[in-house]
């Protein structure tokens, strides 16, 4: 999973898309109402995306 704030300015979204495209099976998840510090700017949305990712068996412990 590649996770980025929808309003990211430090690392452009096209770079995030390129990163996700270069990782087999990776998906890019954009966090609404967040920029570079998505976990601080919209922690509930980050937690929800991570929870769903882990429950889907895509996480590091699967």
PDB file of N, CA and C in Angstrom:
ATOM      1  N   UNK A   1       0.843  -1.163   0.000  1.00  0.00           N
ATOM      2  CA  UNK A   1       0.000   0.000   0.000  1.00  0.00           C
ATOM      3  C   UNK A   1       0.895   1.236   0.000  1.00  0.00           C
ATOM      4  N   UNK A   2       0.525   2.178  -0.838  1.00  0.00           N
ATOM      5  CA  UNK A   2       1.137   3.498  -0.817  1.00  0.00           C
ATOM      6  C   UNK A   2       0.046   4.445  -0.356  1.00  0.00           C
ATOM      7  N   UNK A   3       0.303   5.178   0.692  1.00  0.00           N
ATOM      8  CA  UNK A   3      -0.689   6.060   1.292  1.00  0.00           C
ATOM      9  C   UNK A   3      -0.189   7.492   1.192  1.00  0.00           C
ATOM     10  N   UNK A   4      -1.044   8.382   0.708  1.00  0.00           N
ATOM     11  CA  UNK A   4      -0.638   9.781   0.541  1.00  0.00           C
ATOM     12  C   UNK A   4      -1.821  10.693   0.815  1.00  0.00           C
ATOM     13  N   UNK A   5      -1.522  11.888   1.279  1.00  0.00           N
ATOM     14  CA  UNK A   5      -2.550  12.898   1.434  1.00  0.00           C
ATOM     15  C   UNK A   5      -2.977  13.402   0.064  1.00  0.00           C
ATOM     16  N   UNK A   6      -4.256  13.641  -0.095  1.00  0.00           N
ATOM     17  CA  UNK A   6      -4.775  14.108  -1.383  1.00  0.00           C
ATOM     18  C   UNK A   6      -4.219  15.479  -1.756  1.00  0.00           C
ATOM     19  N   UNK A   7      -3.775  16.233  -0.756  1.00  0.00           N
ATOM     20  CA  UNK A   7      -3.232  17.576  -0.995  1.00  0.00           C
ATOM     21  C   UNK A   7      -1.719  17.615  -0.784  1.00  0.00           C
ATOM     22  N   UNK A   8      -1.073  16.492  -1.037  1.00  0.00           N
ATOM     23  CA  UNK A   8       0.383  16.368  -0.890  1.00  0.00           C
ATOM     24  C   UNK A   8       1.101  17.389  -1.763  1.00  0.00           C
ATOM     25  N   UNK A   9       2.065  18.086  -1.175  1.00  0.00           N
ATOM     26  CA  UNK A   9       2.868  19.045  -1.929  1.00  0.00           C
ATOM     27  C   UNK A   9       4.357  18.731  -1.866  1.00  0.00           C
ATOM     28  N   UNK A  10       4.792  18.017  -0.845  1.00  0.00           N
ATOM     29  CA  UNK A  10       6.213  17.719  -0.678  1.00  0.00           C
ATOM     30  C   UNK A  10       6.663  16.654  -1.673  1.00  0.00           C
ATOM     31  N   UNK A  11       5.888  15.590  -1.782  1.00  0.00           N
ATOM     32  CA  UNK A  11       6.168  14.506  -2.733  1.00  0.00           C
ATOM     33  C   UNK A  11       4.967  14.438  -3.674  1.00  0.00           C
ATOM     34  N   UNK A  12       5.114  14.945  -4.891  1.00  0.00           N
ATOM     35  CA  UNK A  12       3.979  15.071  -5.811  1.00  0.00           C
ATOM     36  C   UNK A  12       3.211  13.764  -6.023  1.00  0.00           C
ATOM     37  N   UNK A  13       1.925  13.889  -6.271  1.00  0.00           N
ATOM     38  CA  UNK A  13       1.083  12.712  -6.448  1.00  0.00           C
ATOM     39  C   UNK A  13       1.501  11.856  -7.629  1.00  0.00           C
ATOM     40  N   UNK A  14       2.056  12.470  -8.672  1.00  0.00           N
ATOM     41  CA  UNK A  14       2.520  11.643  -9.792  1.00  0.00           C
ATOM     42  C   UNK A  14       3.677  10.745  -9.354  1.00  0.00           C
ATOM     43  N   UNK A  15       4.486  11.217  -8.418  1.00  0.00           N
ATOM     44  CA  UNK A  15       5.563  10.379  -7.873  1.00  0.00           C
ATOM     45  C   UNK A  15       4.981   9.257  -7.021  1.00  0.00           C
ATOM     46  N   UNK A  16       3.924   9.546  -6.280  1.00  0.00           N
ATOM     47  CA  UNK A  16       3.253   8.518  -5.476  1.00  0.00           C
ATOM     48  C   UNK A  16       2.650   7.447  -6.398  1.00  0.00           C
ATOM     49  N   UNK A  17       2.051   7.891  -7.504  1.00  0.00           N
ATOM     50  CA  UNK A  17       1.463   6.965  -8.472  1.00  0.00           C
ATOM     51  C   UNK A  17       2.546   6.092  -9.106  1.00  0.00           C
ATOM     52  N   UNK A  18       3.673   6.701  -9.421  1.00  0.00           N
ATOM     53  CA  UNK A  18       4.794   5.951 -10.002  1.00  0.00           C
ATOM     54  C   UNK A  18       5.315   4.914  -9.009  1.00  0.00           C
ATOM     55  N   UNK A  19       5.404   5.301  -7.750  1.00  0.00           N
ATOM     56  CA  UNK A  19       5.856   4.385  -6.703  1.00  0.00           C
ATOM     57  C   UNK A  19       4.918   3.186  -6.601  1.00  0.00           C
ATOM     58  N   UNK A  20       3.617   3.449  -6.540  1.00  0.00           N
ATOM     59  CA  UNK A  20       2.637   2.365  -6.439  1.00  0.00           C
ATOM     60  C   UNK A  20       2.686   1.464  -7.670  1.00  0.00           C
ATOM     61  N   UNK A  21       2.863   2.061  -8.837  1.00  0.00           N
ATOM     62  CA  UNK A  21       2.921   1.279 -10.078  1.00  0.00           C
ATOM     63  C   UNK A  21       4.151   0.375 -10.116  1.00  0.00           C
ATOM     64  N   UNK A  22       5.200   0.775  -9.419  1.00  0.00           N
ATOM     65  CA  UNK A  22       6.440   0.006  -9.432  1.00  0.00           C
ATOM     66  C   UNK A  22       6.509  -1.095  -8.392  1.00  0.00           C
ATOM     67  N   UNK A  23       5.486  -1.200  -7.560  1.00  0.00           N
ATOM     68  CA  UNK A  23       5.453  -2.231  -6.519  1.00  0.00           C
ATOM     69  C   UNK A  23       4.359  -3.232  -6.885  1.00  0.00           C
ATOM     70  N   UNK A  24       4.716  -4.465  -7.185  1.00  0.00           N
ATOM     71  CA  UNK A  24       3.706  -5.455  -7.571  1.00  0.00           C
ATOM     72  C   UNK A  24       2.598  -5.584  -6.517  1.00  0.00           C
ATOM     73  N   UNK A  25       1.369  -5.431  -6.960  1.00  0.00           N
ATOM     74  CA  UNK A  25       0.217  -5.578  -6.074  1.00  0.00           C
ATOM     75  C   UNK A  25      -0.102  -4.367  -5.223  1.00  0.00           C
ATOM     76  N   UNK A  26       0.695  -3.321  -5.312  1.00  0.00           N
ATOM     77  CA  UNK A  26       0.459  -2.139  -4.477  1.00  0.00           C
ATOM     78  C   UNK A  26      -0.700  -1.321  -5.013  1.00  0.00           C
ATOM     79  N   UNK A  27      -1.388  -0.665  -4.104  1.00  0.00           N
ATOM     80  CA  UNK A  27      -2.460   0.251  -4.447  1.00  0.00           C
ATOM     81  C   UNK A  27      -2.172   1.585  -3.785  1.00  0.00           C
ATOM     82  N   UNK A  28      -2.505   2.663  -4.476  1.00  0.00           N
ATOM     83  CA  UNK A  28      -2.355   4.005  -3.933  1.00  0.00           C
ATOM     84  C   UNK A  28      -3.652   4.400  -3.265  1.00  0.00           C
ATOM     85  N   UNK A  29      -3.566   4.807  -2.019  1.00  0.00           N
ATOM     86  CA  UNK A  29      -4.722   5.286  -1.262  1.00  0.00           C
ATOM     87  C   UNK A  29      -4.489   6.752  -0.918  1.00  0.00           C
ATOM     88  N   UNK A  30      -5.407   7.603  -1.360  1.00  0.00           N
ATOM     89  CA  UNK A  30      -5.309   9.027  -1.069  1.00  0.00           C
ATOM     90  C   UNK A  30      -6.202   9.361   0.116  1.00  0.00           C
ATOM     91  N   UNK A  31      -5.650  10.129   1.029  1.00  0.00           N
ATOM     92  CA  UNK A  31      -6.372  10.532   2.228  1.00  0.00           C
ATOM     93  C   UNK A  31      -6.921  11.940   2.021  1.00  0.00           C
ATOM     94  N   UNK A  32      -8.238  12.057   2.084  1.00  0.00           N
ATOM     95  CA  UNK A  32      -8.901  13.352   1.905  1.00  0.00           C
ATOM     96  C   UNK A  32      -8.522  14.306   3.042  1.00  0.00           C
ATOM     97  N   UNK A  33      -8.549  15.570   2.730  1.00  0.00           N
ATOM     98  CA  UNK A  33      -8.298  16.624   3.725  1.00  0.00           C
ATOM     99  C   UNK A  33      -6.956  16.448   4.424  1.00  0.00           C
ATOM    100  N   UNK A  34      -5.957  16.013   3.674  1.00  0.00           N
ATOM    101  CA  UNK A  34      -4.629  15.829   4.244  1.00  0.00           C
ATOM    102  C   UNK A  34      -3.574  16.112   3.193  1.00  0.00           C
ATOM    103  N   UNK A  35      -2.424  16.533   3.683  1.00  0.00           N
ATOM    104  CA  UNK A  35      -1.280  16.775   2.819  1.00  0.00           C
ATOM    105  C   UNK A  35      -0.166  15.815   3.177  1.00  0.00           C
ATOM    106  N   UNK A  36       1.036  16.349   3.394  1.00  0.00           N
ATOM    107  CA  UNK A  36       2.218  15.525   3.638  1.00  0.00           C
ATOM    108  C   UNK A  36       2.159  14.781   4.971  1.00  0.00           C
ATOM    109  N   UNK A  37       1.458  15.318   5.938  1.00  0.00           N
ATOM    110  CA  UNK A  37       1.390  14.698   7.264  1.00  0.00           C
ATOM    111  C   UNK A  37       0.024  14.064   7.491  1.00  0.00           C
ATOM    112  N   UNK A  38      -0.399  13.222   6.568  1.00  0.00           N
ATOM    113  CA  UNK A  38      -1.727  12.621   6.612  1.00  0.00           C
ATOM    114  C   UNK A  38      -2.073  11.988   7.968  1.00  0.00           C
ATOM    115  N   UNK A  39      -1.157  11.253   8.612  1.00  0.00           N
ATOM    116  CA  UNK A  39      -1.518  10.656   9.898  1.00  0.00           C
ATOM    117  C   UNK A  39      -1.846  11.692  10.982  1.00  0.00           C
ATOM    118  N   UNK A  40      -1.303  12.890  10.856  1.00  0.00           N
ATOM    119  CA  UNK A  40      -1.614  13.947  11.817  1.00  0.00           C
ATOM    120  C   UNK A  40      -2.797  14.791  11.370  1.00  0.00           C
ATOM    121  N   UNK A  41      -2.941  14.954  10.062  1.00  0.00           N
ATOM    122  CA  UNK A  41      -3.977  15.834   9.522  1.00  0.00           C
ATOM    123  C   UNK A  41      -5.348  15.160   9.421  1.00  0.00           C
ATOM    124  N   UNK A  42      -5.379  13.864   9.216  1.00  0.00           N
ATOM    125  CA  UNK A  42      -6.633  13.125   9.139  1.00  0.00           C
ATOM    126  C   UNK A  42      -6.413  11.699   9.667  1.00  0.00           C
ATOM    127  N   UNK A  43      -6.132  11.605  10.969  1.00  0.00           N
ATOM    128  CA  UNK A  43      -5.786  10.294  11.535  1.00  0.00           C
ATOM    129  C   UNK A  43      -6.894   9.258  11.417  1.00  0.00           C
ATOM    130  N   UNK A  44      -8.149   9.679  11.502  1.00  0.00           N
ATOM    131  CA  UNK A  44      -9.240   8.710  11.404  1.00  0.00           C
ATOM    132  C   UNK A  44      -9.276   8.056  10.020  1.00  0.00           C
ATOM    133  N   UNK A  45      -9.060   8.844   8.985  1.00  0.00           N
ATOM    134  CA  UNK A  45      -9.067   8.299   7.624  1.00  0.00           C
ATOM    135  C   UNK A  45      -7.881   7.374   7.408  1.00  0.00           C
ATOM    136  N   UNK A  46      -6.720   7.744   7.915  1.00  0.00           N
ATOM    137  CA  UNK A  46      -5.532   6.894   7.789  1.00  0.00           C
ATOM    138  C   UNK A  46      -5.770   5.573   8.519  1.00  0.00           C
ATOM    139  N   UNK A  47      -6.310   5.647   9.724  1.00  0.00           N
ATOM    140  CA  UNK A  47      -6.570   4.431  10.501  1.00  0.00           C
ATOM    141  C   UNK A  47      -7.565   3.529   9.785  1.00  0.00           C
ATOM    142  N   UNK A  48      -8.589   4.103   9.178  1.00  0.00           N
ATOM    143  CA  UNK A  48      -9.590   3.310   8.480  1.00  0.00           C
ATOM    144  C   UNK A  48      -8.988   2.583   7.273  1.00  0.00           C
ATOM    145  N   UNK A  49      -8.183   3.288   6.484  1.00  0.00           N
ATOM    146  CA  UNK A  49      -7.550   2.668   5.318  1.00  0.00           C
ATOM    147  C   UNK A  49      -6.608   1.556   5.765  1.00  0.00           C
ATOM    148  N   UNK A  50      -5.828   1.816   6.797  1.00  0.00           N
ATOM    149  CA  UNK A  50      -4.892   0.797   7.281  1.00  0.00           C
ATOM    150  C   UNK A  50      -5.633  -0.408   7.860  1.00  0.00           C
ATOM    151  N   UNK A  51      -6.715  -0.161   8.587  1.00  0.00           N
ATOM    152  CA  UNK A  51      -7.508  -1.250   9.161  1.00  0.00           C
ATOM    153  C   UNK A  51      -8.061  -2.138   8.053  1.00  0.00           C
ATOM    154  N   UNK A  52      -8.640  -1.522   7.032  1.00  0.00           N
ATOM    155  CA  UNK A  52      -9.198  -2.297   5.911  1.00  0.00           C
ATOM    156  C   UNK A  52      -8.110  -3.085   5.191  1.00  0.00           C
ATOM    157  N   UNK A  53      -6.940  -2.471   5.029  1.00  0.00           N
ATOM    158  CA  UNK A  53      -5.814  -3.127   4.358  1.00  0.00           C
ATOM    159  C   UNK A  53      -5.360  -4.351   5.148  1.00  0.00           C
ATOM    160  N   UNK A  54      -5.229  -4.183   6.454  1.00  0.00           N
ATOM    161  CA  UNK A  54      -4.805  -5.294   7.302  1.00  0.00           C
ATOM    162  C   UNK A  54      -5.847  -6.402   7.343  1.00  0.00           C
ATOM    163  N   UNK A  55      -7.122  -6.034   7.431  1.00  0.00           N
ATOM    164  CA  UNK A  55      -8.188  -7.030   7.467  1.00  0.00           C
ATOM    165  C   UNK A  55      -8.305  -7.801   6.156  1.00  0.00           C
ATOM    166  N   UNK A  56      -7.904  -7.166   5.064  1.00  0.00           N
ATOM    167  CA  UNK A  56      -7.960  -7.824   3.758  1.00  0.00           C
ATOM    168  C   UNK A  56      -6.821  -8.834   3.579  1.00  0.00           C
ATOM    169  N   UNK A  57      -5.925  -8.879   4.546  1.00  0.00           N
ATOM    170  CA  UNK A  57      -4.799  -9.806   4.444  1.00  0.00           C
ATOM    171  C   UNK A  57      -3.675  -9.300   3.598  1.00  0.00           C
ATOM    172  N   UNK A  58      -3.646  -7.990   3.370  1.00  0.00           N
ATOM    173  CA  UNK A  58      -2.596  -7.397   2.551  1.00  0.00           C
ATOM    174  C   UNK A  58      -1.448  -6.871   3.384  1.00  0.00           C
ATOM    175  N   UNK A  59      -1.575  -6.954   4.673  1.00  0.00           N
ATOM    176  CA  UNK A  59      -0.591  -6.344   5.551  1.00  0.00           C
ATOM    177  C   UNK A  59       0.657  -7.168   5.743  1.00  0.00           C
ATOM    178  N   UNK A  60       1.581  -6.629   6.501  1.00  0.00           N
ATOM    179  CA  UNK A  60       2.881  -7.279   6.698  1.00  0.00           C
ATOM    180  C   UNK A  60       2.800  -8.580   7.491  1.00  0.00           C
ATOM    181  N   UNK A  61       1.704  -8.828   8.189  1.00  0.00           N
ATOM    182  CA  UNK A  61       1.596 -10.028   9.016  1.00  0.00           C
ATOM    183  C   UNK A  61       0.822 -11.137   8.326  1.00  0.00           C
ATOM    184  N   UNK A  62       0.366 -10.886   7.095  1.00  0.00           N
ATOM    185  CA  UNK A  62      -0.423 -11.922   6.423  1.00  0.00           C
ATOM    186  C   UNK A  62       0.459 -12.950   5.747  1.00  0.00           C
TER     187      UNK A  62
END
